Amino acid sequence: MLPASSALLAAASGLGLGLSLIVAIGSQNAFVLRQGLRAQRVGVVVLVCVLSDVLLIAAGVAGAGAVVGAHPGVLDGVRLAGAAFLSAYGLLAARRALRPQALRAQEGAAPGSLAATVGTALALTWLNPHVYLDTVVLLGSIAQGHPGRQWWFAAGAALASTAWFAALGYGAALLRPLFARPGAWRVLDAGIAVVMLALAASLLAAAL
């Protein structure tokens, strides 16, 4: 049986990395925020985004585990690739922190039907190539750094997605004044940059 502290540490790591990856200005988050600001089908949008992330996280953890199990030497290559990706991600976040912009919800009319709303949420999630890099490849590979506790890591990452989308959708009315100011995004992106670069350094150290 795994020590409770080890399992909780893996879950906390997944939660931290999941939040670091998901909390960023992008089309999906802008859509969730927009729906929340207008109080239109918020529950449906949040549910679609959360379930999509859970499926992608599970696929990443299961798939990466199979690859690493069959080819243990692949792990170092995955770590190096992850370090490179996280470094680039962190530098982009740092750049955004230096040149902040207020978040504006997407323009245009709100979806007029449940099908249109669900379709938009699915498209913004599954047609975004970065979601596969972040969720399937990156989270799945880093989960392998917690042998025997990968699914605790996945649970933490899934909790991060659930908490973020729920907070963004249902807390939109409260968040609007804050995130209309570029300074709020400066602080947020600076924090993301620190986390990403620290994770990249740890992956690089593990691979060398």
Protein backbone atom coordinates (compact mmCIF):
# COMPACT_ATOMS: atom_id res chain seq x y z
CA MET A 1 0.00 0.00 0.00
CA LEU A 2 1.28 3.46 -0.91
CA PRO A 3 1.98 5.90 1.93
CA ALA A 4 -0.79 8.46 2.19
CA SER A 5 1.73 11.29 2.11
CA SER A 6 3.19 10.07 -1.22
CA ALA A 7 -0.24 9.80 -2.79
CA LEU A 8 -1.21 13.26 -1.60
CA LEU A 9 2.09 14.68 -2.86
CA ALA A 10 1.42 13.21 -6.31
CA ALA A 11 -2.12 14.62 -6.28
CA ALA A 12 -0.82 18.03 -5.20
CA SER A 13 1.78 17.97 -7.99
CA GLY A 14 -0.93 17.20 -10.52
CA LEU A 15 -3.11 19.96 -9.10
CA GLY A 16 -0.29 22.50 -9.28
CA LEU A 17 0.79 21.63 -12.79
CA GLY A 18 -2.80 21.39 -13.99
CA LEU A 19 -3.55 24.89 -12.73
CA SER A 20 -0.31 26.24 -14.20
CA LEU A 21 -1.23 24.90 -17.63
CA ILE A 22 -4.91 25.80 -17.64
CA VAL A 23 -4.81 29.29 -16.13
CA ALA A 24 -3.88 31.31 -19.19
CA ILE A 25 -5.58 33.69 -21.58
CA GLY A 26 -6.88 31.67 -24.51
CA SER A 27 -9.90 31.05 -26.70
CA GLN A 28 -11.39 28.34 -24.46
CA ASN A 29 -11.06 30.36 -21.26
CA ALA A 30 -12.38 33.46 -23.01
CA PHE A 31 -15.43 31.50 -24.15
CA VAL A 32 -16.13 30.15 -20.64
CA LEU A 33 -15.70 33.63 -19.19
CA ARG A 34 -17.99 35.12 -21.81
CA GLN A 35 -20.73 32.58 -21.10
CA GLY A 36 -20.35 33.25 -17.39
CA LEU A 37 -20.54 37.01 -17.81
CA ARG A 38 -23.74 36.63 -19.79
CA ALA A 39 -25.13 33.83 -17.55
CA GLN A 40 -25.89 31.61 -20.55
CA ARG A 41 -25.62 27.81 -20.23
CA VAL A 42 -22.70 28.13 -17.81
CA GLY A 43 -23.22 24.67 -16.33
CA VAL A 44 -23.19 23.00 -19.73
CA VAL A 45 -20.04 24.79 -20.85
CA VAL A 46 -18.20 24.02 -17.60
CA LEU A 47 -19.25 20.36 -17.77
CA VAL A 48 -18.09 19.95 -21.38
CA CYS A 49 -14.70 21.52 -20.62
CA VAL A 50 -14.18 19.47 -17.44
CA LEU A 51 -15.18 16.13 -18.98
CA SER A 52 -12.99 16.82 -22.01
CA ASP A 53 -10.00 17.53 -19.79
CA VAL A 54 -10.62 14.42 -17.67
CA LEU A 55 -10.69 12.25 -20.80
CA LEU A 56 -7.54 13.84 -22.17
CA ILE A 57 -5.70 13.54 -18.84
CA ALA A 58 -6.69 9.87 -18.50
CA ALA A 59 -5.61 9.15 -22.06
CA GLY A 60 -2.28 10.88 -21.47
CA VAL A 61 -1.52 9.02 -18.27
CA ALA A 62 -2.56 5.63 -19.68
CA GLY A 63 -0.80 6.12 -23.03
CA ALA A 64 2.43 7.53 -21.68
CA GLY A 65 2.56 4.77 -19.10
CA ALA A 66 2.36 2.11 -21.78
CA VAL A 67 5.13 3.72 -23.85
CA VAL A 68 7.45 4.15 -20.89
CA GLY A 69 6.75 0.60 -19.68
CA ALA A 70 7.72 -0.87 -23.04
CA HIS A 71 10.65 1.48 -23.66
CA PRO A 72 12.11 2.78 -20.39
CA GLY A 73 14.78 4.74 -22.25
CA VAL A 74 12.09 6.94 -23.76
CA LEU A 75 11.55 8.60 -20.38
CA ASP A 76 14.71 10.71 -20.61
CA GLY A 77 13.74 11.89 -24.07
CA VAL A 78 10.26 12.76 -22.84
CA ARG A 79 11.74 14.67 -19.92
CA LEU A 80 14.01 16.66 -22.23
CA ALA A 81 11.11 17.43 -24.56
CA GLY A 82 8.98 18.40 -21.59
CA ALA A 83 11.71 20.66 -20.24
CA ALA A 84 12.01 22.40 -23.62
CA PHE A 85 8.25 22.85 -23.88
CA LEU A 86 7.91 24.13 -20.32
CA SER A 87 10.80 26.53 -20.83
CA ALA A 88 9.15 27.98 -23.93
CA TYR A 89 5.80 28.15 -22.15
CA GLY A 90 7.38 29.87 -19.17
CA LEU A 91 9.19 32.40 -21.33
CA LEU A 92 5.96 33.21 -23.17
CA ALA A 93 4.22 33.73 -19.83
CA ALA A 94 7.06 36.01 -18.74
CA ARG A 95 6.69 37.97 -21.97
CA ARG A 96 2.96 38.37 -21.33
CA ALA A 97 3.74 39.57 -17.81
CA LEU A 98 5.99 42.28 -19.25
CA ARG A 99 3.40 43.28 -21.84
CA PRO A 100 0.04 42.64 -20.13
CA GLN A 101 -3.30 43.12 -21.83
CA ALA A 102 -6.77 43.11 -20.33
CA LEU A 103 -8.83 40.08 -21.20
CA ARG A 104 -11.79 40.72 -23.47
CA ALA A 105 -14.48 38.12 -23.94
CA GLN A 106 -15.02 36.92 -27.49
CA GLU A 107 -17.09 39.17 -29.69
CA GLY A 108 -20.24 38.13 -31.44
CA ALA A 109 -23.67 36.86 -30.54
CA ALA A 110 -24.13 34.15 -27.95
CA PRO A 111 -24.96 30.65 -29.18
CA GLY A 112 -28.69 30.42 -29.69
CA SER A 113 -29.14 26.76 -28.80
CA LEU A 114 -27.81 24.04 -26.53
CA ALA A 115 -26.31 22.22 -29.52
CA ALA A 116 -24.50 25.34 -30.69
CA THR A 117 -23.12 26.00 -27.22
CA VAL A 118 -21.89 22.44 -26.76
CA GLY A 119 -20.43 22.40 -30.27
CA THR A 120 -18.52 25.61 -29.66
CA ALA A 121 -17.12 24.36 -26.35
CA LEU A 122 -16.08 21.05 -27.92
CA ALA A 123 -14.44 22.77 -30.89
CA LEU A 124 -12.47 25.18 -28.71
CA THR A 125 -11.23 22.22 -26.67
CA TRP A 126 -10.62 19.40 -29.14
CA LEU A 127 -9.55 21.45 -32.17
CA ASN A 128 -6.82 23.22 -30.20
CA PRO A 129 -3.48 21.48 -30.89
CA HIS A 130 -2.01 22.82 -27.66
CA VAL A 131 -4.45 20.79 -25.58
CA TYR A 132 -2.78 17.60 -26.79
CA LEU A 133 0.70 18.90 -25.97
CA ASP A 134 -0.32 20.19 -22.55
CA THR A 135 -2.74 17.53 -21.38
CA VAL A 136 -1.92 14.31 -23.20
CA VAL A 137 1.84 14.57 -23.75
CA LEU A 138 3.08 16.83 -20.97
CA LEU A 139 0.80 15.84 -18.09
CA GLY A 140 0.91 12.20 -19.14
CA SER A 141 4.69 12.11 -19.24
CA ILE A 142 5.23 14.01 -15.99
CA ALA A 143 2.79 11.66 -14.28
CA GLN A 144 5.30 8.87 -14.89
CA GLY A 145 7.64 10.65 -12.49
CA HIS A 146 5.30 9.42 -9.75
CA PRO A 147 5.57 5.62 -10.21
CA GLY A 148 2.59 3.81 -8.74
CA ARG A 149 0.90 7.14 -8.08
CA GLN A 150 0.16 8.25 -11.64
CA TRP A 151 -3.59 8.20 -11.12
CA TRP A 152 -3.31 10.30 -7.98
CA PHE A 153 -1.41 12.80 -10.13
CA ALA A 154 -4.17 12.56 -12.75
CA ALA A 155 -6.83 13.10 -10.08
CA GLY A 156 -5.05 16.26 -8.95
CA ALA A 157 -4.87 17.55 -12.53
CA ALA A 158 -8.56 16.75 -13.05
CA LEU A 159 -9.42 18.61 -9.84
CA ALA A 160 -7.47 21.61 -11.15
CA SER A 161 -9.57 21.65 -14.35
CA THR A 162 -12.81 21.27 -12.42
CA ALA A 163 -11.96 24.05 -9.96
CA TRP A 164 -10.72 26.43 -12.64
CA PHE A 165 -13.60 26.09 -15.08
CA ALA A 166 -16.20 26.26 -12.30
CA ALA A 167 -14.56 29.33 -10.80
CA LEU A 168 -14.18 31.00 -14.20
CA GLY A 169 -17.72 30.29 -15.33
CA TYR A 170 -19.63 30.92 -12.12
CA GLY A 171 -17.33 33.59 -10.73
CA ALA A 172 -17.20 35.58 -13.95
CA ALA A 173 -19.34 38.39 -12.60
CA LEU A 174 -16.90 38.88 -9.72
CA LEU A 175 -13.78 38.45 -11.83
CA ARG A 176 -14.71 40.89 -14.58
CA PRO A 177 -13.54 44.08 -12.79
CA LEU A 178 -10.29 42.42 -11.73
CA PHE A 179 -9.27 40.95 -15.08
CA ALA A 180 -10.26 44.05 -16.98
CA ARG A 181 -7.03 45.51 -15.56
CA PRO A 182 -3.75 44.50 -17.22
CA GLY A 183 -1.98 44.52 -13.85
CA ALA A 184 -3.93 41.45 -12.68
CA TRP A 185 -2.70 39.47 -15.68
CA ARG A 186 0.85 40.70 -15.06
CA VAL A 187 0.84 39.06 -11.61
CA LEU A 188 -0.85 35.89 -12.87
CA ASP A 189 1.46 35.39 -15.85
CA ALA A 190 4.53 36.12 -13.73
CA GLY A 191 3.49 33.34 -11.36
CA ILE A 192 2.90 30.94 -14.24
CA ALA A 193 6.34 31.76 -15.66
CA VAL A 194 8.05 30.96 -12.34
CA VAL A 195 6.23 27.62 -11.98
CA MET A 196 6.89 26.56 -15.57
CA LEU A 197 10.59 27.40 -15.51
CA ALA A 198 11.03 25.66 -12.15
CA LEU A 199 9.36 22.51 -13.50
CA ALA A 200 11.52 22.65 -16.62
CA ALA A 201 14.65 22.83 -14.49
CA SER A 202 13.55 19.82 -12.41
CA LEU A 203 12.84 17.76 -15.53
CA LEU A 204 16.19 18.69 -17.04
CA ALA A 205 17.99 17.76 -13.83
CA ALA A 206 16.22 14.37 -13.75
CA ALA A 207 17.17 13.63 -17.37
CA LEU A 208 20.87 14.51 -17.00
